[in-house]
Amino acid sequence: MAKVNDIVRFLNATGGGRISRIEAGIAYVEDADGFEQPVLLRECVVVDESKPKATAYDRPLVPPKSKEQKPTAAPKPAALDMPVVETEEGDTLNVLLAYEPRELKHLNTTTYYAYLVNDSNYFLYVTYMTRGDNADGLWRTRFHGIVEPNMQVLLDEFAHDALPDMSRVAVQYAAFKADRDFKLKNPALVEHRLDTTKFYKIHCFHDNEYFDSPVLALDIVRNDRPARMLTVDSGELERAMQQKRAVDRPVRKPVERREKRKGEIIECDLHIGELVDTTAGMSNADMLNYQLDKFREVMNANVKHAGTRIVFIHGKGEGVLRKALLDELRRKYPRCEAQDASFREYGFGATLVKIH
């Protein structure tokens, strides 16, 4: 079997050279001009396993040092060499983790994309990890690397069979700038419990300012404040980092804020399970007040936008939450009109609010 630095010829094509590296069964063969060509390892025939005295294929990885030679700085990663266009509000960290179905109307069969949105002027060194409830506390690293400022990066693509290993997700990051002065940002580790049943429910995917199609979004950092900061055992994190996983080069594209289109419906799911991770210690009154606070937050953010339509998904139940919403509308938002939302899309448990 061929190995790095062997001189090879191609079995099914003309040419050959020295193997500079091998990745996932692919040999990268460097020709006499210094160009690399990817070839299946099994299609390489070894010509000479010993290192030749002097050939065009031989290039020392580390040049010999002379007495006069001065030490040079290590080369910077390619991501740090790209020009950065800073925005006025970009010195405040805003980072989002989002899951986008490839086919929204076929949630039972589709695959999903995991994206990280870096809406800031900072480079982020990011580690994205997941684990299942039955993983004995061990994590799996699915992505690690540098995410450029104001960029949206594809972290992973996965199918339904990966969901049992994703009941918890975590993002660890450190922020910095290259070749310019900046204010320090504290590194953080943010962990979320992910209800994987949401991947089967179309109403759990919502419009987002960074995406053209609905996504399931989790805040990592909002206005410099991490969503949650957890302290974990360093040995546990080290073991997770050592998990090897072959990944393709991440797909990157600039962050774009999508403007809301006129007449577009805003959805707000008020089920308590969608708003909090656990209701332990909460009374029925506590849960109702929490749901009403979310209702007021959405209404106050949109009440000045005439023509806006908002669907509040509250479920059928005993009608307590729906009655409380209608009472709030009559007392605090007299310019708004309420009616039952589309039965075809939401069933019995949703109310449509029109802002005039």
Protein backbone atom coordinates (compact mmCIF):
# COMPACT_ATOMS: atom_id res chain seq x y z
CA MET A 1 0.00 0.00 0.00
CA ALA A 2 1.36 3.42 -0.98
CA LYS A 3 2.22 5.88 1.76
CA VAL A 4 3.24 9.55 2.07
CA ASN A 5 6.48 10.43 0.17
CA ASP A 6 6.29 7.31 -2.04
CA ILE A 7 6.89 7.88 -5.76
CA VAL A 8 3.90 6.47 -7.67
CA ARG A 9 2.45 6.12 -11.15
CA PHE A 10 -1.26 6.13 -11.95
CA LEU A 11 -2.87 2.79 -12.74
CA ASN A 12 -5.68 4.07 -15.01
CA ALA A 13 -4.19 7.32 -16.29
CA THR A 14 -0.97 8.86 -17.49
CA GLY A 15 1.23 10.57 -14.94
CA GLY A 16 2.53 10.24 -11.42
CA GLY A 17 4.60 11.93 -8.76
CA ARG A 18 5.22 12.01 -5.01
CA ILE A 19 2.36 11.46 -2.52
CA SER A 20 2.26 14.59 -0.36
CA ARG A 21 -0.72 13.56 1.79
CA ILE A 22 -3.47 10.93 2.11
CA GLU A 23 -7.01 11.72 3.29
CA ALA A 24 -10.02 9.37 3.38
CA GLY A 25 -8.65 7.00 0.73
CA ILE A 26 -7.58 9.84 -1.57
CA ALA A 27 -3.89 10.34 -2.35
CA TYR A 28 -2.76 13.86 -3.26
CA VAL A 29 0.04 13.36 -5.78
CA GLU A 30 2.46 16.24 -6.39
CA ASP A 31 3.92 16.40 -9.91
CA ALA A 32 7.24 17.88 -11.08
CA ASP A 33 5.72 21.38 -11.27
CA GLY A 34 4.46 21.29 -7.70
CA PHE A 35 0.75 20.82 -8.51
CA GLU A 36 -1.31 18.35 -6.46
CA GLN A 37 -3.72 15.94 -8.14
CA PRO A 38 -6.25 13.89 -6.10
CA VAL A 39 -6.31 10.20 -7.09
CA LEU A 40 -7.87 7.15 -5.47
CA LEU A 41 -5.17 5.49 -3.36
CA ARG A 42 -5.95 2.08 -4.84
CA GLU A 43 -5.15 3.43 -8.32
CA CYS A 44 -1.58 4.42 -7.36
CA VAL A 45 1.28 2.02 -8.14
CA VAL A 46 4.45 2.50 -6.08
CA VAL A 47 7.53 3.03 -8.23
CA ASP A 48 10.05 3.71 -5.47
CA GLU A 49 9.48 3.40 -1.73
CA SER A 50 12.88 4.79 -0.83
CA LYS A 51 13.41 8.53 -0.82
CA PRO A 52 15.37 9.47 -3.99
CA LYS A 53 18.56 11.47 -3.69
CA ALA A 54 17.36 14.28 -5.88
CA THR A 55 14.21 14.33 -7.97
CA ALA A 56 11.78 16.96 -9.10
CA TYR A 57 9.18 15.40 -6.79
CA ASP A 58 11.22 15.82 -3.61
CA ARG A 59 10.55 19.00 -1.66
CA PRO A 60 11.62 19.18 1.99
CA LEU A 61 8.74 20.09 4.24
CA VAL A 62 11.05 22.11 6.54
CA PRO A 63 13.96 23.90 4.85
CA PRO A 64 17.34 23.53 6.56
CA LYS A 65 18.37 26.49 8.72
CA SER A 66 21.60 28.37 8.05
CA LYS A 67 23.49 30.39 10.62
CA GLU A 68 22.40 33.62 8.92
CA GLN A 69 18.77 32.59 8.65
CA LYS A 70 16.42 34.40 11.04
CA PRO A 71 13.36 32.67 12.50
CA THR A 72 10.14 33.49 10.67
CA ALA A 73 6.60 33.73 12.01
CA ALA A 74 4.29 30.76 11.51
CA PRO A 75 1.95 31.19 8.52
CA LYS A 76 -1.51 32.44 9.36
CA PRO A 77 -4.58 30.33 8.50
CA ALA A 78 -6.15 31.25 5.19
CA ALA A 79 -9.30 32.54 6.95
CA LEU A 80 -7.30 35.30 8.67
CA ASP A 81 -5.93 36.60 5.38
CA MET A 82 -9.32 37.53 3.95
CA PRO A 83 -10.29 41.24 4.00
CA VAL A 84 -12.80 42.11 6.73
CA VAL A 85 -15.50 44.72 6.14
CA GLU A 86 -16.66 45.80 9.59
CA THR A 87 -20.17 47.01 10.37
CA GLU A 88 -21.08 49.73 12.87
CA GLU A 89 -22.95 47.36 15.17
CA GLY A 90 -20.58 44.43 14.58
CA ASP A 91 -18.43 44.98 17.69
CA THR A 92 -21.28 43.40 19.64
CA LEU A 93 -21.33 39.61 19.41
CA ASN A 94 -24.46 37.96 18.02
CA VAL A 95 -24.14 34.26 17.25
CA LEU A 96 -26.92 31.89 16.21
CA LEU A 97 -27.13 28.12 15.70
CA ALA A 98 -29.83 27.14 13.20
CA TYR A 99 -31.19 23.92 11.72
CA GLU A 100 -32.71 24.11 8.23
CA PRO A 101 -34.61 21.21 6.62
CA ARG A 102 -33.62 20.50 3.04
CA GLU A 103 -37.31 19.91 2.19
CA LEU A 104 -39.67 21.62 4.62
CA LYS A 105 -42.76 19.82 3.31
CA HIS A 106 -41.22 16.35 3.74
CA LEU A 107 -39.95 16.41 7.32
CA ASN A 108 -40.25 12.63 7.74
CA THR A 109 -37.71 11.92 4.99
CA THR A 110 -35.62 15.05 4.51
CA THR A 111 -32.06 15.71 5.67
CA TYR A 112 -31.09 18.79 7.69
CA TYR A 113 -28.34 21.40 7.62
CA ALA A 114 -26.74 22.85 10.76
CA TYR A 115 -25.53 26.45 10.34
CA LEU A 116 -23.65 28.87 12.56
CA VAL A 117 -24.30 32.58 11.96
CA ASN A 118 -21.51 34.92 13.12
CA ASP A 119 -23.11 38.39 13.01
CA SER A 120 -20.12 40.33 14.33
CA ASN A 121 -16.78 41.89 13.34
CA TYR A 122 -14.87 39.17 15.22
CA PHE A 123 -13.29 35.94 14.07
CA LEU A 124 -14.60 33.02 16.12
CA TYR A 125 -12.74 29.82 16.89
CA VAL A 126 -15.71 27.48 17.21
CA THR A 127 -16.25 23.92 18.38
CA TYR A 128 -19.74 22.46 17.73
CA MET A 129 -20.58 19.30 19.70
CA THR A 130 -23.54 16.99 20.31
CA ARG A 131 -24.42 14.07 22.56
CA GLY A 132 -27.35 11.81 23.29
CA ASP A 133 -29.00 11.19 26.64
CA ASN A 134 -27.53 7.67 26.71
CA ALA A 135 -23.96 8.69 25.83
CA ASP A 136 -22.60 8.44 29.41
CA GLY A 137 -21.81 12.14 29.31
CA LEU A 138 -19.49 11.82 26.28
CA TRP A 139 -19.66 14.40 23.50
CA ARG A 140 -18.92 14.15 19.78
CA THR A 141 -17.22 17.00 17.92
CA ARG A 142 -19.02 17.68 14.63
CA PHE A 143 -17.15 20.84 13.61
CA HIS A 144 -14.19 22.86 14.78
CA GLY A 145 -12.45 25.73 13.07
CA ILE A 146 -12.39 29.46 12.47
CA VAL A 147 -15.57 31.26 11.40
CA GLU A 148 -14.95 34.59 9.69
CA PRO A 149 -16.70 37.87 10.66
CA ASN A 150 -20.21 38.42 9.30
CA MET A 151 -20.35 34.93 7.82
CA GLN A 152 -22.83 32.07 7.85
CA VAL A 153 -21.13 28.65 7.92
CA LEU A 154 -22.47 25.17 7.19
CA LEU A 155 -21.39 23.03 10.15
CA ASP A 156 -22.98 19.69 9.37
CA GLU A 157 -25.56 17.81 7.28
CA PHE A 158 -27.43 14.97 8.96
CA ALA A 159 -30.42 12.65 8.59
CA HIS A 160 -33.04 11.41 11.06
CA ASP A 161 -30.85 8.55 12.27
CA ALA A 162 -28.49 11.13 13.84
CA LEU A 163 -31.21 12.71 16.01
CA PRO A 164 -30.85 10.30 18.98
CA ASP A 165 -27.28 11.60 19.35
CA MET A 166 -28.41 15.26 19.35
CA SER A 167 -30.57 15.60 22.46
CA ARG A 168 -27.91 18.05 23.70
CA VAL A 169 -25.90 20.46 21.57
CA ALA A 170 -23.05 22.72 22.65
CA VAL A 171 -21.03 25.51 21.05
CA GLN A 172 -17.70 26.65 22.49
CA TYR A 173 -16.16 29.81 21.08
CA ALA A 174 -13.35 32.32 21.50
CA ALA A 175 -13.57 35.72 19.74
CA PHE A 176 -10.68 37.75 18.36
CA LYS A 177 -9.64 40.10 15.54
CA ALA A 178 -6.67 39.78 13.21
CA ASP A 179 -4.15 42.58 12.55
CA ARG A 180 -6.10 45.26 14.45
CA ASP A 181 -6.88 46.35 18.01
CA PHE A 182 -10.09 45.11 19.61
CA LYS A 183 -11.97 44.78 22.88
CA LEU A 184 -11.67 41.42 24.62
CA LYS A 185 -14.69 39.13 24.65
CA ASN A 186 -14.91 36.35 27.21
CA PRO A 187 -14.76 32.86 25.69
CA ALA A 188 -17.78 30.76 26.58
CA LEU A 189 -19.40 27.35 26.32
CA VAL A 190 -23.13 27.39 25.59
CA GLU A 191 -25.20 24.22 25.90
CA HIS A 192 -28.81 23.66 24.83
CA ARG A 193 -31.15 20.75 25.40
CA LEU A 194 -32.65 20.03 21.97
CA ASP A 195 -36.13 18.52 21.71
CA THR A 196 -35.54 16.33 18.65
CA THR A 197 -39.28 15.77 18.15
CA LYS A 198 -39.39 19.34 16.80
CA PHE A 199 -37.65 18.13 13.66
CA TYR A 200 -40.91 16.37 12.73
CA LYS A 201 -43.22 19.37 13.35
CA ILE A 202 -43.52 22.01 10.65
CA HIS A 203 -44.78 24.69 13.08
CA CYS A 204 -41.48 24.47 15.03
CA PHE A 205 -39.59 25.98 12.08
CA HIS A 206 -39.90 29.77 11.95
CA ASP A 207 -38.85 32.62 9.71
CA ASN A 208 -35.54 34.17 10.68
CA GLU A 209 -33.83 37.37 9.57
CA TYR A 210 -30.73 35.46 8.45
CA PHE A 211 -32.48 32.80 6.31
CA ASP A 212 -34.81 32.71 3.32
CA SER A 213 -36.65 29.61 4.57
CA PRO A 214 -37.95 28.65 8.05
CA VAL A 215 -35.40 27.28 10.53
CA LEU A 216 -35.18 25.97 14.08
CA ALA A 217 -32.93 28.58 15.71
CA LEU A 218 -31.03 28.59 19.02
CA ASP A 219 -29.34 31.69 20.41
CA ILE A 220 -25.67 31.19 21.30
CA VAL A 221 -24.83 34.85 22.00
CA ARG A 222 -27.26 37.77 21.98
CA ASN A 223 -25.77 41.26 22.34
CA ASP A 224 -22.55 39.96 23.93
CA ARG A 225 -24.43 37.78 26.43
CA PRO A 226 -24.11 33.99 26.03
CA ALA A 227 -27.45 32.23 26.17
CA ARG A 228 -26.15 29.87 28.81
CA MET A 229 -22.70 29.36 30.28
CA LEU A 230 -21.86 25.95 31.68
CA THR A 231 -18.82 24.65 33.52
CA VAL A 232 -17.84 21.17 32.37
CA ASP A 233 -15.14 18.74 33.31
CA SER A 234 -12.01 19.51 31.24
CA GLY A 235 -11.29 15.80 30.81
CA GLU A 236 -14.75 15.26 29.36
CA LEU A 237 -14.26 18.11 26.89
CA GLU A 238 -10.83 16.79 25.89
CA ARG A 239 -12.25 13.34 25.16
CA ALA A 240 -14.98 14.89 23.00
CA MET A 241 -12.41 16.92 21.08
CA GLN A 242 -10.46 13.76 20.29
CA GLN A 243 -13.40 12.22 18.43
CA LYS A 244 -12.35 12.15 14.78
CA ARG A 245 -14.86 12.79 12.07
CA ALA A 246 -14.14 13.33 8.38
CA VAL A 247 -15.86 16.51 7.18
CA ASP A 248 -15.89 18.33 3.88
CA ARG A 249 -14.67 21.92 3.62
CA PRO A 250 -17.35 24.09 5.28
CA VAL A 251 -19.60 26.05 2.97
CA ARG A 252 -19.47 29.79 3.74
CA LYS A 253 -21.53 32.71 2.59
CA PRO A 254 -21.94 36.29 3.83
CA VAL A 255 -24.51 37.00 6.54
CA GLU A 256 -27.58 38.73 5.11
CA ARG A 257 -30.53 40.13 7.04
CA ARG A 258 -33.78 39.32 5.30
CA GLU A 259 -36.39 42.09 5.37
CA LYS A 260 -39.90 41.06 6.36
CA ARG A 261 -42.24 41.16 3.39
CA LYS A 262 -45.53 43.06 3.66
CA GLY A 263 -48.42 40.78 4.56
CA GLU A 264 -46.11 38.06 5.86
CA ILE A 265 -47.53 36.10 8.81
CA ILE A 266 -45.49 35.94 12.03
CA GLU A 267 -45.92 32.74 14.05
CA CYS A 268 -45.46 32.53 17.83
CA ASP A 269 -45.83 29.15 19.56
CA LEU A 270 -47.00 29.73 23.16
CA HIS A 271 -46.97 26.09 24.26
CA ILE A 272 -45.05 26.14 27.53
CA GLY A 273 -42.85 23.28 26.29
CA GLU A 274 -41.65 25.52 23.45
CA LEU A 275 -40.75 28.39 25.82
CA VAL A 276 -38.92 26.63 28.67
CA ASP A 277 -36.83 23.47 28.96
CA THR A 278 -38.63 22.29 32.09
CA THR A 279 -41.68 23.32 34.09
CA ALA A 280 -40.32 21.88 37.33
CA GLY A 281 -41.27 24.17 40.22
CA MET A 282 -43.72 26.21 38.12
CA SER A 283 -47.38 26.45 39.11
CA ASN A 284 -50.18 26.78 36.55
CA ALA A 285 -50.28 30.53 37.28
CA ASP A 286 -46.52 30.81 36.75
CA MET A 287 -46.78 29.09 33.38
CA LEU A 288 -49.71 31.26 32.29
CA ASN A 289 -47.86 34.46 33.24
CA TYR A 290 -44.77 33.29 31.35
CA GLN A 291 -46.89 32.65 28.24
CA LEU A 292 -48.56 36.07 28.55
CA ASP A 293 -45.16 37.76 28.90
CA LYS A 294 -44.10 36.16 25.60
CA PHE A 295 -47.38 37.31 24.02
CA ARG A 296 -46.80 40.92 25.16
CA GLU A 297 -43.19 40.82 23.95
CA VAL A 298 -44.27 39.84 20.42
CA MET A 299 -47.16 42.31 20.37
CA ASN A 300 -45.03 45.23 21.60
CA ALA A 301 -42.42 44.51 18.93
CA ASN A 302 -45.01 44.65 16.13
CA VAL A 303 -47.89 46.85 17.33
CA LYS A 304 -46.63 49.88 15.36
CA HIS A 305 -46.44 47.94 12.09
CA ALA A 306 -49.88 48.30 10.56
CA GLY A 307 -50.90 45.40 8.36
CA THR A 308 -48.88 42.85 10.31
CA ARG A 309 -50.58 39.51 11.00
CA ILE A 310 -49.49 37.33 13.92
CA VAL A 311 -50.58 33.75 14.63
CA PHE A 312 -50.37 32.78 18.31
CA ILE A 313 -50.38 28.99 18.67
CA HIS A 314 -51.82 28.18 22.10
CA GLY A 315 -53.47 24.77 21.74
CA LYS A 316 -57.07 23.85 22.44
CA GLY A 317 -56.89 22.72 26.10
CA GLU A 318 -59.48 24.29 28.38
CA GLY A 319 -59.30 27.66 26.65
CA VAL A 320 -57.69 29.49 29.61
CA LEU A 321 -54.75 30.86 27.63
CA ARG A 322 -56.91 31.86 24.65
CA LYS A 323 -59.32 33.75 26.90
CA ALA A 324 -56.40 35.52 28.62
CA LEU A 325 -54.99 36.55 25.22
CA LEU A 326 -58.32 37.99 24.09
CA ASP A 327 -58.68 39.91 27.37
CA GLU A 328 -55.17 41.38 26.89
CA LEU A 329 -56.02 42.42 23.33
CA ARG A 330 -59.22 44.22 24.40
CA ARG A 331 -57.53 46.08 27.26
CA LYS A 332 -54.08 46.94 25.88
CA TYR A 333 -54.30 46.64 22.09
CA PRO A 334 -57.70 48.06 21.04
CA ARG A 335 -56.49 48.71 17.47
CA CYS A 336 -55.93 45.00 16.89
CA GLU A 337 -58.45 42.48 15.60
CA ALA A 338 -58.49 38.78 16.58
CA GLN A 339 -60.04 35.72 14.93
CA ASP A 340 -59.46 31.96 14.73
CA ALA A 341 -56.43 31.09 12.59
CA SER A 342 -56.68 28.78 9.58
CA PHE A 343 -57.99 25.40 10.71
CA ARG A 344 -56.23 23.67 7.80
CA GLU A 345 -52.80 24.92 8.95
CA TYR A 346 -53.17 25.16 12.74
CA GLY A 347 -56.21 23.15 13.77
CA PHE A 348 -58.39 24.50 16.61
CA GLY A 349 -55.60 25.85 18.81
CA ALA A 350 -54.43 29.12 17.20
CA THR A 351 -55.56 32.77 17.10
CA LEU A 352 -54.80 35.21 14.28
CA VAL A 353 -54.18 38.85 15.34
CA LYS A 354 -54.33 41.63 12.72
CA ILE A 355 -52.69 44.97 13.55
CA HIS A 356 -54.48 48.03 12.11
